[in-house]
């Protein structure tokens, strides 16, 4: 009996069996993926608030005269590499954010309801450096596309002077000003739908496989032999009684029983 218990507790995973399980339930698995994808899409579209991102880009140079001479040396390029990280920190420093917030509130009364402060401005702003460039990109993300563009352009207007004031050398030249974004930067509807479909599909597949392997019910004589290690002497056929449709062998079997 102990051997039987051990055998019943063992779960042998066969890839062929897993494939057969998934194949037999493919329509339910596919339906689960579609339902989850639709649910995620609806939540993304109607529940999650949309955000809009506007960006400016600035070129970093090492001397204040560079933009007048039009020339740049190899040593200046190396120095610009060293300045980029410093400028990234300066852009999000409290002193710069205070200036940008103050000037923005004064110059854009139409956005007075947002009451932009340096602390909230820090959360809206991200600073990055595109790979292989001497550019700094400042991105502003809010729930209003016009607000995002106006804040980003306020950065563009005042950052160059603030960097020179703080570093006393070098500076930045504005390359691109912000434009009002045409669409939201987040949430990404198509990406969320794909992720939702994949999640529903995988969860349904795992559920059916686990349910099949964790089912301890014995259905066939082969399973009896596998669990008990005893030979099967015979099987009892199912006899259908009532008005249900019956096969010819079932009718013959009933007649034999009645005659006896």
C-alpha atoms as a PDB file:
ATOM      1  CA  UNK A   1       0.000   0.000   0.000  1.00  0.00           C
ATOM      2  CA  UNK A   2       2.860   2.356   0.755  1.00  0.00           C
ATOM      3  CA  UNK A   3       4.188   1.801  -2.760  1.00  0.00           C
ATOM      4  CA  UNK A   4       0.767   2.643  -4.184  1.00  0.00           C
ATOM      5  CA  UNK A   5       0.659   5.900  -2.214  1.00  0.00           C
ATOM      6  CA  UNK A   6       4.096   6.879  -3.450  1.00  0.00           C
ATOM      7  CA  UNK A   7       3.105   6.162  -7.030  1.00  0.00           C
ATOM      8  CA  UNK A   8      -0.076   8.203  -6.726  1.00  0.00           C
ATOM      9  CA  UNK A   9       1.898  11.181  -5.367  1.00  0.00           C
ATOM     10  CA  UNK A  10       4.396  11.088  -8.231  1.00  0.00           C
ATOM     11  CA  UNK A  11       3.617  13.415 -11.128  1.00  0.00           C
ATOM     12  CA  UNK A  12       5.260  12.418 -14.381  1.00  0.00           C
ATOM     13  CA  UNK A  13       5.261  15.268 -16.895  1.00  0.00           C
ATOM     14  CA  UNK A  14       5.330  14.208 -20.512  1.00  0.00           C
ATOM     15  CA  UNK A  15       5.642  16.883 -23.185  1.00  0.00           C
ATOM     16  CA  UNK A  16       3.448  14.874 -25.503  1.00  0.00           C
ATOM     17  CA  UNK A  17       0.717  14.720 -22.879  1.00  0.00           C
ATOM     18  CA  UNK A  18       1.044  18.450 -22.226  1.00  0.00           C
ATOM     19  CA  UNK A  19       0.665  19.129 -25.934  1.00  0.00           C
ATOM     20  CA  UNK A  20      -2.431  16.932 -26.109  1.00  0.00           C
ATOM     21  CA  UNK A  21      -3.957  18.720 -23.109  1.00  0.00           C
ATOM     22  CA  UNK A  22      -3.348  22.125 -24.666  1.00  0.00           C
ATOM     23  CA  UNK A  23      -4.609  20.969 -28.031  1.00  0.00           C
ATOM     24  CA  UNK A  24      -7.833  19.633 -26.540  1.00  0.00           C
ATOM     25  CA  UNK A  25      -8.464  22.937 -24.714  1.00  0.00           C
ATOM     26  CA  UNK A  26      -7.119  25.332 -27.334  1.00  0.00           C
ATOM     27  CA  UNK A  27     -10.398  27.134 -27.854  1.00  0.00           C
ATOM     28  CA  UNK A  28     -10.759  27.879 -24.121  1.00  0.00           C
ATOM     29  CA  UNK A  29      -7.133  28.999 -23.886  1.00  0.00           C
ATOM     30  CA  UNK A  30      -7.544  31.281 -26.893  1.00  0.00           C
ATOM     31  CA  UNK A  31     -10.812  32.644 -25.521  1.00  0.00           C
ATOM     32  CA  UNK A  32      -9.147  33.403 -22.169  1.00  0.00           C
ATOM     33  CA  UNK A  33      -6.404  35.345 -23.951  1.00  0.00           C
ATOM     34  CA  UNK A  34      -8.938  37.354 -25.955  1.00  0.00           C
ATOM     35  CA  UNK A  35     -11.101  38.135 -22.909  1.00  0.00           C
ATOM     36  CA  UNK A  36      -8.141  39.314 -20.838  1.00  0.00           C
ATOM     37  CA  UNK A  37      -6.855  41.394 -23.771  1.00  0.00           C
ATOM     38  CA  UNK A  38     -10.269  43.057 -24.175  1.00  0.00           C
ATOM     39  CA  UNK A  39     -10.493  43.741 -20.428  1.00  0.00           C
ATOM     40  CA  UNK A  40      -7.005  45.232 -20.332  1.00  0.00           C
ATOM     41  CA  UNK A  41      -7.773  47.335 -23.416  1.00  0.00           C
ATOM     42  CA  UNK A  42     -10.954  48.723 -21.873  1.00  0.00           C
ATOM     43  CA  UNK A  43      -9.210  49.533 -18.602  1.00  0.00           C
ATOM     44  CA  UNK A  44      -6.331  51.175 -20.445  1.00  0.00           C
ATOM     45  CA  UNK A  45      -8.635  53.273 -22.620  1.00  0.00           C
ATOM     46  CA  UNK A  46     -11.302  54.303 -20.130  1.00  0.00           C
ATOM     47  CA  UNK A  47      -9.732  54.063 -16.655  1.00  0.00           C
ATOM     48  CA  UNK A  48      -6.017  54.838 -16.831  1.00  0.00           C
ATOM     49  CA  UNK A  49      -5.374  58.558 -17.261  1.00  0.00           C
ATOM     50  CA  UNK A  50      -3.476  59.529 -20.393  1.00  0.00           C
ATOM     51  CA  UNK A  51      -0.179  61.387 -20.178  1.00  0.00           C
ATOM     52  CA  UNK A  52       1.563  63.490 -22.808  1.00  0.00           C
ATOM     53  CA  UNK A  53       5.288  64.076 -23.216  1.00  0.00           C
ATOM     54  CA  UNK A  54       6.996  67.043 -24.866  1.00  0.00           C
ATOM     55  CA  UNK A  55      10.775  67.289 -25.204  1.00  0.00           C
ATOM     56  CA  UNK A  56      13.544  69.753 -25.997  1.00  0.00           C
ATOM     57  CA  UNK A  57      17.108  68.878 -26.951  1.00  0.00           C
ATOM     58  CA  UNK A  58      20.280  70.849 -26.202  1.00  0.00           C
ATOM     59  CA  UNK A  59      23.809  70.604 -27.540  1.00  0.00           C
ATOM     60  CA  UNK A  60      26.579  70.794 -24.928  1.00  0.00           C
ATOM     61  CA  UNK A  61      29.673  72.909 -25.658  1.00  0.00           C
ATOM     62  CA  UNK A  62      32.674  73.759 -23.517  1.00  0.00           C
ATOM     63  CA  UNK A  63      33.369  77.403 -24.220  1.00  0.00           C
ATOM     64  CA  UNK A  64      31.034  80.366 -24.545  1.00  0.00           C
ATOM     65  CA  UNK A  65      32.753  81.369 -27.780  1.00  0.00           C
ATOM     66  CA  UNK A  66      32.066  78.090 -29.618  1.00  0.00           C
ATOM     67  CA  UNK A  67      28.717  79.172 -30.995  1.00  0.00           C
ATOM     68  CA  UNK A  68      30.388  82.289 -32.449  1.00  0.00           C
ATOM     69  CA  UNK A  69      33.545  80.764 -33.997  1.00  0.00           C
ATOM     70  CA  UNK A  70      31.755  77.770 -35.483  1.00  0.00           C
ATOM     71  CA  UNK A  71      34.719  75.462 -34.781  1.00  0.00           C
ATOM     72  CA  UNK A  72      35.229  72.718 -32.218  1.00  0.00           C
ATOM     73  CA  UNK A  73      38.338  70.788 -31.281  1.00  0.00           C
ATOM     74  CA  UNK A  74      38.806  67.190 -30.184  1.00  0.00           C
ATOM     75  CA  UNK A  75      39.681  68.321 -26.649  1.00  0.00           C
ATOM     76  CA  UNK A  76      36.450  70.328 -26.479  1.00  0.00           C
ATOM     77  CA  UNK A  77      34.485  67.227 -27.458  1.00  0.00           C
ATOM     78  CA  UNK A  78      36.100  65.264 -24.613  1.00  0.00           C
ATOM     79  CA  UNK A  79      35.414  68.105 -22.189  1.00  0.00           C
ATOM     80  CA  UNK A  80      31.790  68.142 -23.341  1.00  0.00           C
ATOM     81  CA  UNK A  81      31.522  64.462 -22.394  1.00  0.00           C
ATOM     82  CA  UNK A  82      32.575  65.343 -18.862  1.00  0.00           C
ATOM     83  CA  UNK A  83      30.149  68.255 -18.676  1.00  0.00           C
ATOM     84  CA  UNK A  84      27.089  66.305 -19.788  1.00  0.00           C
ATOM     85  CA  UNK A  85      26.604  64.472 -16.481  1.00  0.00           C
ATOM     86  CA  UNK A  86      27.072  67.714 -14.576  1.00  0.00           C
ATOM     87  CA  UNK A  87      24.501  69.480 -16.719  1.00  0.00           C
ATOM     88  CA  UNK A  88      22.037  66.615 -16.238  1.00  0.00           C
ATOM     89  CA  UNK A  89      22.172  67.166 -12.488  1.00  0.00           C
ATOM     90  CA  UNK A  90      21.979  70.943 -12.829  1.00  0.00           C
ATOM     91  CA  UNK A  91      18.805  70.779 -14.951  1.00  0.00           C
ATOM     92  CA  UNK A  92      16.939  69.045 -12.103  1.00  0.00           C
ATOM     93  CA  UNK A  93      18.566  71.000  -9.276  1.00  0.00           C
ATOM     94  CA  UNK A  94      16.263  72.907  -6.937  1.00  0.00           C
ATOM     95  CA  UNK A  95      17.684  76.289  -7.946  1.00  0.00           C
ATOM     96  CA  UNK A  96      16.953  75.713 -11.645  1.00  0.00           C
ATOM     97  CA  UNK A  97      13.527  74.184 -10.996  1.00  0.00           C
ATOM     98  CA  UNK A  98      12.592  77.142  -8.801  1.00  0.00           C
ATOM     99  CA  UNK A  99      13.481  79.588 -11.586  1.00  0.00           C
ATOM    100  CA  UNK A 100      11.632  77.589 -14.275  1.00  0.00           C
ATOM    101  CA  UNK A 101       8.516  77.173 -12.104  1.00  0.00           C
ATOM    102  CA  UNK A 102       8.445  80.863 -11.187  1.00  0.00           C
ATOM    103  CA  UNK A 103       8.902  82.070 -14.756  1.00  0.00           C
ATOM    104  CA  UNK A 104       6.384  79.553 -16.093  1.00  0.00           C
ATOM    105  CA  UNK A 105       3.664  80.621 -13.662  1.00  0.00           C
ATOM    106  CA  UNK A 106       4.306  84.279 -14.526  1.00  0.00           C
ATOM    107  CA  UNK A 107       4.343  83.789 -18.302  1.00  0.00           C
ATOM    108  CA  UNK A 108       1.516  81.256 -18.622  1.00  0.00           C
ATOM    109  CA  UNK A 109      -1.465  82.376 -16.535  1.00  0.00           C
ATOM    110  CA  UNK A 110      -3.703  80.078 -18.619  1.00  0.00           C
ATOM    111  CA  UNK A 111      -2.162  77.169 -16.695  1.00  0.00           C
ATOM    112  CA  UNK A 112      -2.632  78.769 -13.261  1.00  0.00           C
ATOM    113  CA  UNK A 113      -4.929  75.948 -12.139  1.00  0.00           C
ATOM    114  CA  UNK A 114      -1.985  73.532 -12.197  1.00  0.00           C
ATOM    115  CA  UNK A 115      -0.013  75.645  -9.681  1.00  0.00           C
ATOM    116  CA  UNK A 116       3.376  74.402 -10.881  1.00  0.00           C
ATOM    117  CA  UNK A 117       5.974  74.226  -8.084  1.00  0.00           C
ATOM    118  CA  UNK A 118       9.561  73.000  -8.118  1.00  0.00           C
ATOM    119  CA  UNK A 119       8.647  69.772  -6.336  1.00  0.00           C
ATOM    120  CA  UNK A 120       5.866  68.842  -8.775  1.00  0.00           C
ATOM    121  CA  UNK A 121       8.028  70.023 -11.678  1.00  0.00           C
ATOM    122  CA  UNK A 122      10.759  67.590 -10.644  1.00  0.00           C
ATOM    123  CA  UNK A 123       8.330  64.686 -10.889  1.00  0.00           C
ATOM    124  CA  UNK A 124       7.180  65.787 -14.347  1.00  0.00           C
ATOM    125  CA  UNK A 125      10.685  66.176 -15.758  1.00  0.00           C
ATOM    126  CA  UNK A 126      13.202  63.607 -16.954  1.00  0.00           C
ATOM    127  CA  UNK A 127      16.686  64.241 -18.354  1.00  0.00           C
ATOM    128  CA  UNK A 128      18.434  61.822 -20.710  1.00  0.00           C
ATOM    129  CA  UNK A 129      21.400  61.668 -23.075  1.00  0.00           C
ATOM    130  CA  UNK A 130      20.861  59.961 -26.466  1.00  0.00           C
ATOM    131  CA  UNK A 131      23.566  57.357 -27.072  1.00  0.00           C
ATOM    132  CA  UNK A 132      26.613  58.542 -28.969  1.00  0.00           C
ATOM    133  CA  UNK A 133      25.674  62.230 -28.904  1.00  0.00           C
ATOM    134  CA  UNK A 134      26.586  65.421 -27.078  1.00  0.00           C
ATOM    135  CA  UNK A 135      22.912  66.208 -26.639  1.00  0.00           C
ATOM    136  CA  UNK A 136      20.795  66.462 -23.523  1.00  0.00           C
ATOM    137  CA  UNK A 137      17.074  65.779 -23.878  1.00  0.00           C
ATOM    138  CA  UNK A 138      14.689  67.289 -21.324  1.00  0.00           C
ATOM    139  CA  UNK A 139      11.231  65.690 -21.380  1.00  0.00           C
ATOM    140  CA  UNK A 140       8.152  66.926 -19.523  1.00  0.00           C
ATOM    141  CA  UNK A 141       5.189  64.600 -18.967  1.00  0.00           C
ATOM    142  CA  UNK A 142       1.760  65.788 -17.788  1.00  0.00           C
ATOM    143  CA  UNK A 143      -1.916  65.034 -18.409  1.00  0.00           C
ATOM    144  CA  UNK A 144      -2.246  68.101 -20.675  1.00  0.00           C
ATOM    145  CA  UNK A 145      -0.370  68.136 -24.022  1.00  0.00           C
ATOM    146  CA  UNK A 146      -0.232  71.958 -24.186  1.00  0.00           C
ATOM    147  CA  UNK A 147       1.010  72.147 -20.614  1.00  0.00           C
ATOM    148  CA  UNK A 148       3.809  69.680 -21.352  1.00  0.00           C
ATOM    149  CA  UNK A 149       4.990  71.692 -24.366  1.00  0.00           C
ATOM    150  CA  UNK A 150       4.835  75.040 -22.546  1.00  0.00           C
ATOM    151  CA  UNK A 151       6.849  73.761 -19.568  1.00  0.00           C
ATOM    152  CA  UNK A 152       9.454  72.159 -21.837  1.00  0.00           C
ATOM    153  CA  UNK A 153       9.881  75.407 -23.789  1.00  0.00           C
ATOM    154  CA  UNK A 154      10.222  77.323 -20.527  1.00  0.00           C
ATOM    155  CA  UNK A 155      13.147  75.030 -19.715  1.00  0.00           C
ATOM    156  CA  UNK A 156      14.593  75.796 -23.150  1.00  0.00           C
ATOM    157  CA  UNK A 157      14.242  79.519 -22.536  1.00  0.00           C
ATOM    158  CA  UNK A 158      15.991  79.690 -19.166  1.00  0.00           C
ATOM    159  CA  UNK A 159      18.292  76.655 -18.859  1.00  0.00           C
ATOM    160  CA  UNK A 160      21.182  78.068 -20.967  1.00  0.00           C
ATOM    161  CA  UNK A 161      21.582  81.122 -18.731  1.00  0.00           C
ATOM    162  CA  UNK A 162      21.200  79.059 -15.569  1.00  0.00           C
ATOM    163  CA  UNK A 163      23.919  76.606 -16.639  1.00  0.00           C
ATOM    164  CA  UNK A 164      26.354  79.435 -17.413  1.00  0.00           C
ATOM    165  CA  UNK A 165      25.476  81.109 -14.099  1.00  0.00           C
ATOM    166  CA  UNK A 166      26.236  77.932 -12.154  1.00  0.00           C
ATOM    167  CA  UNK A 167      29.222  76.493 -14.047  1.00  0.00           C
ATOM    168  CA  UNK A 168      30.807  79.796 -15.168  1.00  0.00           C
ATOM    169  CA  UNK A 169      32.051  77.980 -18.294  1.00  0.00           C
ATOM    170  CA  UNK A 170      30.678  76.074 -21.248  1.00  0.00           C
ATOM    171  CA  UNK A 171      26.979  76.007 -21.931  1.00  0.00           C
ATOM    172  CA  UNK A 172      24.232  74.561 -24.072  1.00  0.00           C
ATOM    173  CA  UNK A 173      22.649  75.504 -27.375  1.00  0.00           C
ATOM    174  CA  UNK A 174      18.985  74.666 -27.957  1.00  0.00           C
ATOM    175  CA  UNK A 175      18.642  72.279 -30.914  1.00  0.00           C
ATOM    176  CA  UNK A 176      14.911  71.482 -30.859  1.00  0.00           C
ATOM    177  CA  UNK A 177      12.063  73.233 -29.105  1.00  0.00           C
ATOM    178  CA  UNK A 178       9.013  71.344 -27.872  1.00  0.00           C
ATOM    179  CA  UNK A 179       5.854  70.968 -29.907  1.00  0.00           C
ATOM    180  CA  UNK A 180       2.418  69.980 -28.637  1.00  0.00           C
ATOM    181  CA  UNK A 181       2.267  66.166 -28.762  1.00  0.00           C
ATOM    182  CA  UNK A 182      -0.360  64.707 -31.092  1.00  0.00           C
ATOM    183  CA  UNK A 183      -1.028  61.631 -28.949  1.00  0.00           C
ATOM    184  CA  UNK A 184      -0.456  60.307 -25.445  1.00  0.00           C
ATOM    185  CA  UNK A 185       2.901  58.859 -24.478  1.00  0.00           C
ATOM    186  CA  UNK A 186       1.261  56.580 -21.947  1.00  0.00           C
ATOM    187  CA  UNK A 187      -0.477  54.280 -21.451  1.00  0.00           C
ATOM    188  CA  UNK A 188       0.495  52.293 -24.535  1.00  0.00           C
ATOM    189  CA  UNK A 189      -2.806  50.740 -25.619  1.00  0.00           C
ATOM    190  CA  UNK A 190      -1.454  48.266 -28.185  1.00  0.00           C
ATOM    191  CA  UNK A 191       1.344  47.079 -25.912  1.00  0.00           C
ATOM    192  CA  UNK A 192      -1.024  46.560 -22.986  1.00  0.00           C
ATOM    193  CA  UNK A 193      -3.439  44.583 -25.179  1.00  0.00           C
ATOM    194  CA  UNK A 194      -0.641  42.284 -26.354  1.00  0.00           C
ATOM    195  CA  UNK A 195       0.569  41.783 -22.783  1.00  0.00           C
ATOM    196  CA  UNK A 196      -2.994  41.093 -21.624  1.00  0.00           C
ATOM    197  CA  UNK A 197      -3.533  38.495 -24.355  1.00  0.00           C
ATOM    198  CA  UNK A 198      -0.239  36.768 -23.539  1.00  0.00           C
ATOM    199  CA  UNK A 199      -1.023  36.755 -19.810  1.00  0.00           C
ATOM    200  CA  UNK A 200      -4.527  35.321 -20.298  1.00  0.00           C
ATOM    201  CA  UNK A 201      -3.274  32.731 -22.779  1.00  0.00           C
ATOM    202  CA  UNK A 202      -0.460  31.531 -20.491  1.00  0.00           C
ATOM    203  CA  UNK A 203      -2.582  31.502 -17.332  1.00  0.00           C
ATOM    204  CA  UNK A 204      -5.291  29.446 -19.031  1.00  0.00           C
ATOM    205  CA  UNK A 205      -2.707  27.015 -20.431  1.00  0.00           C
ATOM    206  CA  UNK A 206      -1.075  26.568 -17.019  1.00  0.00           C
ATOM    207  CA  UNK A 207      -4.486  26.086 -15.390  1.00  0.00           C
ATOM    208  CA  UNK A 208      -5.538  23.277 -17.739  1.00  0.00           C
ATOM    209  CA  UNK A 209      -2.178  21.516 -17.492  1.00  0.00           C
ATOM    210  CA  UNK A 210      -2.133  21.678 -13.682  1.00  0.00           C
ATOM    211  CA  UNK A 211      -5.743  20.573 -13.444  1.00  0.00           C
ATOM    212  CA  UNK A 212      -4.994  17.550 -15.608  1.00  0.00           C
ATOM    213  CA  UNK A 213      -1.860  16.532 -13.713  1.00  0.00           C
ATOM    214  CA  UNK A 214      -3.297  17.143 -10.255  1.00  0.00           C
ATOM    215  CA  UNK A 215      -6.467  15.161 -10.975  1.00  0.00           C
ATOM    216  CA  UNK A 216      -6.209  11.928  -8.911  1.00  0.00           C
ATOM    217  CA  UNK A 217      -9.293  10.304 -10.425  1.00  0.00           C
ATOM    218  CA  UNK A 218      -8.611   7.008 -12.233  1.00  0.00           C
ATOM    219  CA  UNK A 219     -10.328   6.820 -15.613  1.00  0.00           C
ATOM    220  CA  UNK A 220      -8.792   3.890 -17.499  1.00  0.00           C
ATOM    221  CA  UNK A 221      -7.561   0.365 -16.815  1.00  0.00           C
ATOM    222  CA  UNK A 222      -4.074   1.482 -17.821  1.00  0.00           C
ATOM    223  CA  UNK A 223      -4.081   3.992 -14.969  1.00  0.00           C
ATOM    224  CA  UNK A 224      -5.168   1.232 -12.548  1.00  0.00           C
ATOM    225  CA  UNK A 225      -2.200  -0.893 -13.590  1.00  0.00           C
ATOM    226  CA  UNK A 226       0.158   2.070 -13.311  1.00  0.00           C
ATOM    227  CA  UNK A 227      -0.968   2.990  -9.804  1.00  0.00           C
ATOM    228  CA  UNK A 228      -1.465  -0.487  -8.236  1.00  0.00           C
ATOM    229  CA  UNK A 229       1.129  -2.495 -10.200  1.00  0.00           C
ATOM    230  CA  UNK A 230      -1.529  -5.244 -10.413  1.00  0.00           C
ATOM    231  CA  UNK A 231      -2.898  -6.800 -13.606  1.00  0.00           C
ATOM    232  CA  UNK A 232      -6.457  -5.955 -14.651  1.00  0.00           C
ATOM    233  CA  UNK A 233      -8.606  -9.128 -14.801  1.00  0.00           C
ATOM    234  CA  UNK A 234     -11.626  -7.550 -16.473  1.00  0.00           C
ATOM    235  CA  UNK A 235     -13.779  -4.461 -16.867  1.00  0.00           C
ATOM    236  CA  UNK A 236     -17.486  -3.774 -16.331  1.00  0.00           C
ATOM    237  CA  UNK A 237     -19.182  -2.020 -19.296  1.00  0.00           C
ATOM    238  CA  UNK A 238     -21.486   0.947 -18.724  1.00  0.00           C
ATOM    239  CA  UNK A 239     -25.150   0.020 -19.176  1.00  0.00           C
ATOM    240  CA  UNK A 240     -27.480   2.857 -20.138  1.00  0.00           C
ATOM    241  CA  UNK A 241     -31.001   2.557 -18.706  1.00  0.00           C
ATOM    242  CA  UNK A 242     -33.951   4.709 -19.665  1.00  0.00           C
ATOM    243  CA  UNK A 243     -35.071   6.504 -22.780  1.00  0.00           C
ATOM    244  CA  UNK A 244     -31.544   7.456 -23.824  1.00  0.00           C
ATOM    245  CA  UNK A 245     -30.281   6.249 -27.160  1.00  0.00           C
ATOM    246  CA  UNK A 246     -28.534   2.906 -26.933  1.00  0.00           C
ATOM    247  CA  UNK A 247     -26.204   0.989 -29.170  1.00  0.00           C
ATOM    248  CA  UNK A 248     -27.024  -2.503 -30.522  1.00  0.00           C
ATOM    249  CA  UNK A 249     -24.735  -4.266 -28.047  1.00  0.00           C
ATOM    250  CA  UNK A 250     -26.467  -2.527 -25.132  1.00  0.00           C
ATOM    251  CA  UNK A 251     -29.894  -3.704 -26.344  1.00  0.00           C
ATOM    252  CA  UNK A 252     -28.633  -7.269 -26.748  1.00  0.00           C
ATOM    253  CA  UNK A 253     -27.108  -7.197 -23.264  1.00  0.00           C
ATOM    254  CA  UNK A 254     -30.392  -6.045 -21.744  1.00  0.00           C
ATOM    255  CA  UNK A 255     -32.323  -8.841 -23.479  1.00  0.00           C
ATOM    256  CA  UNK A 256     -29.893 -11.433 -22.124  1.00  0.00           C
ATOM    257  CA  UNK A 257     -30.285 -10.069 -18.603  1.00  0.00           C
ATOM    258  CA  UNK A 258     -34.100 -10.117 -18.812  1.00  0.00           C
ATOM    259  CA  UNK A 259     -34.197 -13.693 -20.214  1.00  0.00           C
ATOM    260  CA  UNK A 260     -32.031 -14.943 -17.371  1.00  0.00           C
END
